[in-house]
């Protein structure tokens, strides 16, 4: 019978430490299928077409930072002024989440050999909606969103903090400082135009960025794009490019956890617009006369 190895405290000191990373993810349409504003509008009985008209108008005027439209409506729009804290909580329960966010959180925390990922959510949406939607999945103190000050009857009195546009840049920098992690150990995942500022910032400091949509402004900025209805798909580029796993190892670990990667198509998309060159004159070489 083989003898058990004795634990040597001196050798334990030389055990390699795990590389610590931060995974910061957007929420709306990154970890969910729908936008918090649409869910809240439906709850309030506001037609979705009316909500779209309002946010589109603000976007055209550049009235607020991209992603901060809902916060502005909640504070200033008569139809949204009736929202109370309990409405935000109820809206969170109605958000349709992508499957396996809990498995993604657990895997990144403990299952990547030699690595540990602290999972945070950074969104422009109201923090009450996001914490309600992710209750029991991600700890509340790992969720950062737009914060309001409420009155005695639960009404919104003022905005304390908006995590939109450059606000996301400030949020990830605060996390890096609090957790004492270098900027090259940051992975950011997003889907829309409100993520452009933070992705450019992360890339500039040697971090890693993942787009989960085909947004024409975001996809060219992100280092990888991944399209899937399952939250676990975010693992693929992280395991490949950050942890250095090959595709077979990734398939095997998914199967060991009870998941099958049924389709994995790697494509490169070039976006082109080609127009007629009717206004461009064709110059003839000197000394050459065109003949009929």
Protein backbone atom coordinates (compact mmCIF):
# COMPACT_ATOMS: atom_id res chain seq x y z
CA UNK A 1 0.00 0.00 0.00
CA UNK A 2 1.58 3.33 -1.04
CA UNK A 3 2.54 5.63 1.80
CA UNK A 4 0.82 8.98 2.08
CA UNK A 5 3.03 11.94 1.33
CA UNK A 6 3.79 14.05 4.38
CA UNK A 7 2.91 17.71 4.20
CA UNK A 8 6.02 19.86 4.25
CA UNK A 9 5.29 23.45 5.37
CA UNK A 10 8.53 24.66 3.81
CA UNK A 11 7.58 23.25 0.41
CA UNK A 12 4.10 24.75 0.73
CA UNK A 13 5.61 28.20 0.70
CA UNK A 14 6.88 27.59 -2.81
CA UNK A 15 3.52 26.49 -4.25
CA UNK A 16 2.78 28.75 -7.24
CA UNK A 17 0.03 31.23 -6.54
CA UNK A 18 -2.94 31.51 -8.86
CA UNK A 19 -2.93 34.40 -11.30
CA UNK A 20 -5.69 36.73 -10.19
CA UNK A 21 -7.86 38.36 -12.85
CA UNK A 22 -10.98 40.51 -12.80
CA UNK A 23 -13.82 39.65 -15.16
CA UNK A 24 -16.07 42.70 -15.51
CA UNK A 25 -19.26 42.16 -17.49
CA UNK A 26 -22.04 44.39 -18.73
CA UNK A 27 -25.56 43.21 -17.89
CA UNK A 28 -28.26 44.19 -20.40
CA UNK A 29 -28.08 41.87 -23.44
CA UNK A 30 -24.74 40.53 -22.21
CA UNK A 31 -25.99 38.40 -19.33
CA UNK A 32 -29.64 38.89 -20.26
CA UNK A 33 -31.78 38.69 -23.40
CA UNK A 34 -33.55 42.01 -22.97
CA UNK A 35 -32.95 45.56 -21.86
CA UNK A 36 -33.90 46.64 -18.33
CA UNK A 37 -35.65 49.70 -19.72
CA UNK A 38 -37.99 47.59 -21.84
CA UNK A 39 -38.85 45.38 -18.88
CA UNK A 40 -39.56 48.39 -16.67
CA UNK A 41 -41.66 50.07 -19.39
CA UNK A 42 -43.75 46.94 -19.75
CA UNK A 43 -44.24 46.79 -15.98
CA UNK A 44 -45.44 50.42 -15.96
CA UNK A 45 -47.75 49.95 -18.95
CA UNK A 46 -45.70 52.27 -21.15
CA UNK A 47 -45.71 51.13 -24.82
CA UNK A 48 -42.30 49.91 -25.95
CA UNK A 49 -42.54 52.14 -29.02
CA UNK A 50 -42.87 55.17 -26.74
CA UNK A 51 -39.85 54.11 -24.68
CA UNK A 52 -37.82 53.63 -27.87
CA UNK A 53 -38.89 57.07 -29.11
CA UNK A 54 -37.69 58.69 -25.91
CA UNK A 55 -34.27 57.04 -25.73
CA UNK A 56 -33.65 57.44 -29.47
CA UNK A 57 -34.38 61.15 -29.18
CA UNK A 58 -31.93 61.53 -26.31
CA UNK A 59 -29.27 59.58 -28.19
CA UNK A 60 -29.59 61.85 -31.23
CA UNK A 61 -29.20 64.92 -29.03
CA UNK A 62 -26.28 63.39 -27.09
CA UNK A 63 -28.20 64.54 -24.03
CA UNK A 64 -26.71 61.89 -21.75
CA UNK A 65 -23.88 59.40 -21.95
CA UNK A 66 -24.78 56.30 -23.93
CA UNK A 67 -26.44 53.85 -21.58
CA UNK A 68 -27.60 56.57 -19.18
CA UNK A 69 -30.93 57.24 -20.91
CA UNK A 70 -33.04 55.20 -18.49
CA UNK A 71 -31.55 56.97 -15.47
CA UNK A 72 -32.44 60.33 -17.03
CA UNK A 73 -36.03 59.22 -17.71
CA UNK A 74 -36.47 57.94 -14.16
CA UNK A 75 -35.52 61.33 -12.78
CA UNK A 76 -37.13 63.68 -15.32
CA UNK A 77 -39.83 62.00 -17.43
CA UNK A 78 -43.41 62.29 -16.08
CA UNK A 79 -44.31 58.71 -17.06
CA UNK A 80 -41.24 57.26 -15.36
CA UNK A 81 -41.36 59.55 -12.31
CA UNK A 82 -43.94 57.24 -10.73
CA UNK A 83 -41.35 54.47 -10.40
CA UNK A 84 -40.61 53.41 -6.83
CA UNK A 85 -37.88 51.17 -5.44
CA UNK A 86 -40.24 48.18 -5.40
CA UNK A 87 -40.88 48.62 -9.13
CA UNK A 88 -37.15 48.31 -9.82
CA UNK A 89 -36.98 45.14 -7.75
CA UNK A 90 -40.00 43.65 -9.53
CA UNK A 91 -38.55 44.54 -12.94
CA UNK A 92 -35.39 42.64 -12.04
CA UNK A 93 -37.42 39.49 -11.39
CA UNK A 94 -38.92 39.80 -14.88
CA UNK A 95 -35.59 40.07 -16.70
CA UNK A 96 -34.90 37.01 -18.83
CA UNK A 97 -31.38 35.89 -18.00
CA UNK A 98 -29.09 33.89 -20.25
CA UNK A 99 -28.71 30.33 -18.93
CA UNK A 100 -25.80 29.13 -16.78
CA UNK A 101 -24.60 32.42 -15.32
CA UNK A 102 -24.19 30.58 -12.02
CA UNK A 103 -22.04 27.92 -13.71
CA UNK A 104 -19.94 30.64 -15.34
CA UNK A 105 -19.41 32.36 -12.00
CA UNK A 106 -18.44 29.13 -10.24
CA UNK A 107 -16.13 27.94 -13.00
CA UNK A 108 -14.19 31.18 -13.20
CA UNK A 109 -13.86 31.34 -9.43
CA UNK A 110 -12.50 27.85 -8.84
CA UNK A 111 -12.13 25.67 -11.93
CA UNK A 112 -9.46 27.29 -14.14
CA UNK A 113 -6.19 25.71 -13.04
CA UNK A 114 -3.61 28.33 -12.10
CA UNK A 115 -6.12 31.19 -12.38
CA UNK A 116 -8.75 32.90 -10.26
CA UNK A 117 -11.27 35.32 -11.77
CA UNK A 118 -13.21 37.77 -9.60
CA UNK A 119 -16.54 38.18 -11.39
CA UNK A 120 -18.12 41.67 -11.32
CA UNK A 121 -21.07 43.17 -13.16
CA UNK A 122 -20.78 46.81 -14.26
CA UNK A 123 -23.91 48.20 -15.89
CA UNK A 124 -25.57 51.52 -16.63
CA UNK A 125 -28.88 50.06 -15.49
CA UNK A 126 -30.38 50.72 -12.06
CA UNK A 127 -28.46 48.64 -9.53
CA UNK A 128 -31.71 47.52 -7.87
CA UNK A 129 -32.87 45.85 -11.11
CA UNK A 130 -29.58 44.03 -11.67
CA UNK A 131 -29.19 42.83 -8.08
CA UNK A 132 -32.77 41.59 -8.13
CA UNK A 133 -32.26 39.75 -11.42
CA UNK A 134 -29.00 38.12 -10.25
CA UNK A 135 -30.11 37.44 -6.69
CA UNK A 136 -28.62 34.17 -5.45
CA UNK A 137 -26.23 34.01 -8.43
CA UNK A 138 -23.75 36.86 -7.99
CA UNK A 139 -23.11 38.60 -4.63
CA UNK A 140 -24.71 42.07 -4.40
CA UNK A 141 -21.35 43.72 -3.63
CA UNK A 142 -20.04 42.39 -6.97
CA UNK A 143 -22.73 44.30 -8.88
CA UNK A 144 -22.25 47.96 -9.80
CA UNK A 145 -24.93 50.03 -11.51
CA UNK A 146 -26.65 53.39 -11.48
CA UNK A 147 -27.55 54.40 -7.93
CA UNK A 148 -30.37 56.67 -6.79
CA UNK A 149 -31.34 58.43 -3.62
CA UNK A 150 -34.90 57.58 -2.63
CA UNK A 151 -37.40 59.66 -0.68
CA UNK A 152 -39.47 58.50 2.30
CA UNK A 153 -42.18 57.09 0.01
CA UNK A 154 -39.71 55.24 -2.20
CA UNK A 155 -39.68 57.86 -4.95
CA UNK A 156 -36.43 58.70 -6.76
CA UNK A 157 -35.14 62.07 -5.61
CA UNK A 158 -31.77 62.28 -7.31
CA UNK A 159 -29.06 60.30 -9.06
CA UNK A 160 -26.05 59.46 -6.92
CA UNK A 161 -23.92 57.71 -9.52
CA UNK A 162 -24.29 56.70 -13.18
CA UNK A 163 -22.21 53.80 -14.48
CA UNK A 164 -22.54 54.67 -18.16
CA UNK A 165 -20.00 55.67 -20.79
CA UNK A 166 -16.91 56.97 -19.04
CA UNK A 167 -18.54 55.96 -15.75
CA UNK A 168 -17.66 52.36 -16.61
CA UNK A 169 -14.02 53.37 -17.05
CA UNK A 170 -14.02 54.87 -13.57
CA UNK A 171 -15.69 51.72 -12.19
CA UNK A 172 -13.09 49.29 -13.58
CA UNK A 173 -10.24 51.53 -12.44
CA UNK A 174 -11.71 51.57 -8.93
CA UNK A 175 -11.89 47.76 -8.94
CA UNK A 176 -8.27 47.48 -10.04
CA UNK A 177 -7.21 49.79 -7.24
CA UNK A 178 -9.31 48.09 -4.54
CA UNK A 179 -8.27 44.56 -5.49
CA UNK A 180 -4.64 45.48 -6.21
CA UNK A 181 -4.76 43.91 -9.66
CA UNK A 182 -2.78 45.16 -12.67
CA UNK A 183 -4.67 46.52 -15.72
CA UNK A 184 -3.33 43.65 -17.86
CA UNK A 185 -5.28 41.26 -15.61
CA UNK A 186 -8.67 42.73 -16.53
CA UNK A 187 -11.18 41.05 -18.87
CA UNK A 188 -14.19 43.11 -19.96
CA UNK A 189 -17.30 41.73 -21.67
CA UNK A 190 -19.93 43.93 -23.32
CA UNK A 191 -22.43 44.19 -26.14
CA UNK A 192 -23.22 47.79 -27.07
CA UNK A 193 -22.15 51.33 -27.74
CA UNK A 194 -22.07 52.18 -24.03
CA UNK A 195 -19.12 49.76 -23.72
CA UNK A 196 -16.91 51.51 -26.30
CA UNK A 197 -15.15 53.85 -23.85
CA UNK A 198 -14.31 51.12 -21.37
CA UNK A 199 -13.15 48.65 -24.04
CA UNK A 200 -10.80 51.18 -25.58
CA UNK A 201 -9.49 51.92 -22.09
CA UNK A 202 -8.97 48.24 -21.25
CA UNK A 203 -7.25 47.52 -24.58
CA UNK A 204 -4.92 50.50 -24.19
CA UNK A 205 -3.71 49.11 -20.87
CA UNK A 206 -3.12 45.57 -22.21
CA UNK A 207 -6.32 44.08 -20.85
CA UNK A 208 -8.62 41.73 -22.76
CA UNK A 209 -12.00 42.57 -24.28
CA UNK A 210 -14.85 40.39 -25.52
CA UNK A 211 -17.89 41.51 -27.54
CA UNK A 212 -21.03 39.39 -27.35
CA UNK A 213 -22.82 41.10 -30.22
CA UNK A 214 -22.21 42.20 -33.80
CA UNK A 215 -22.46 45.89 -32.92
CA UNK A 216 -20.65 47.64 -35.78
CA UNK A 217 -18.81 49.99 -33.45
CA UNK A 218 -17.91 47.48 -30.75
CA UNK A 219 -16.89 44.35 -32.65
CA UNK A 220 -13.85 45.98 -34.34
CA UNK A 221 -12.61 47.19 -30.93
CA UNK A 222 -12.97 43.93 -28.99
CA UNK A 223 -10.12 41.44 -29.16
CA UNK A 224 -12.63 38.59 -29.54
CA UNK A 225 -16.31 38.37 -30.41
CA UNK A 226 -18.49 35.50 -29.27
CA UNK A 227 -22.14 34.99 -30.23
CA UNK A 228 -24.25 32.59 -28.18
CA UNK A 229 -27.46 32.47 -26.17
CA UNK A 230 -25.60 30.69 -23.33
CA UNK A 231 -23.58 32.67 -20.78
CA UNK A 232 -20.99 29.87 -20.63
CA UNK A 233 -19.83 30.84 -24.13
CA UNK A 234 -17.90 33.71 -22.52
CA UNK A 235 -15.55 31.04 -21.18
CA UNK A 236 -14.30 30.07 -24.65
CA UNK A 237 -12.11 33.10 -25.45
CA UNK A 238 -10.99 33.38 -21.82
CA UNK A 239 -9.80 29.78 -21.69
CA UNK A 240 -8.17 30.02 -25.13
CA UNK A 241 -6.48 33.41 -25.04
CA UNK A 242 -6.00 34.10 -21.32
CA UNK A 243 -5.49 30.64 -19.83
CA UNK A 244 -3.89 29.13 -22.95
CA UNK A 245 -6.15 26.09 -23.33
CA UNK A 246 -6.57 24.31 -26.67
CA UNK A 247 -9.98 23.56 -28.18
CA UNK A 248 -9.93 19.87 -27.21
CA UNK A 249 -9.25 20.69 -23.55
CA UNK A 250 -12.12 23.17 -23.61
CA UNK A 251 -14.51 20.63 -25.12
CA UNK A 252 -13.45 18.02 -22.57
CA UNK A 253 -13.98 20.28 -19.55
CA UNK A 254 -17.40 21.34 -20.84
CA UNK A 255 -18.39 17.68 -21.21
CA UNK A 256 -17.10 16.90 -17.72
CA UNK A 257 -19.46 19.59 -16.39
CA UNK A 258 -22.42 18.17 -18.30
CA UNK A 259 -22.34 20.51 -21.30
CA UNK A 260 -21.76 19.73 -24.98
CA UNK A 261 -20.39 22.29 -27.41
CA UNK A 262 -22.60 21.30 -30.32
CA UNK A 263 -21.50 24.02 -32.76
CA UNK A 264 -18.33 26.09 -32.67
CA UNK A 265 -17.76 28.07 -35.86
CA UNK A 266 -14.80 30.42 -35.98
CA UNK A 267 -15.28 33.11 -38.60
CA UNK A 268 -13.67 36.38 -39.54
CA UNK A 269 -16.04 39.01 -40.86
CA UNK A 270 -14.92 41.88 -43.09
CA UNK A 271 -17.47 44.69 -43.35
CA UNK A 272 -17.30 46.55 -46.66
CA UNK A 273 -19.32 49.22 -48.43
CA UNK A 274 -18.58 49.39 -52.16
CA UNK A 275 -20.01 52.19 -54.30
CA UNK A 276 -19.74 53.01 -58.02
CA UNK A 277 -16.71 55.10 -58.92
CA UNK A 278 -18.59 57.23 -61.45
CA UNK A 279 -17.14 60.47 -60.08
CA UNK A 280 -13.55 59.30 -60.32
CA UNK A 281 -11.85 60.32 -63.58
CA UNK A 282 -9.55 57.78 -65.16
CA UNK A 283 -6.26 59.48 -66.13
CA UNK A 284 -4.58 58.49 -69.40
CA UNK A 285 -0.79 58.04 -69.56
CA UNK A 286 1.14 61.03 -70.96
CA UNK A 287 1.92 60.87 -74.63
CA UNK A 288 -0.73 58.30 -75.35
CA UNK A 289 -3.67 59.25 -77.55
CA UNK A 290 -6.79 57.25 -77.40
CA UNK A 291 -7.84 55.92 -80.74
CA UNK A 292 -11.25 54.86 -81.87
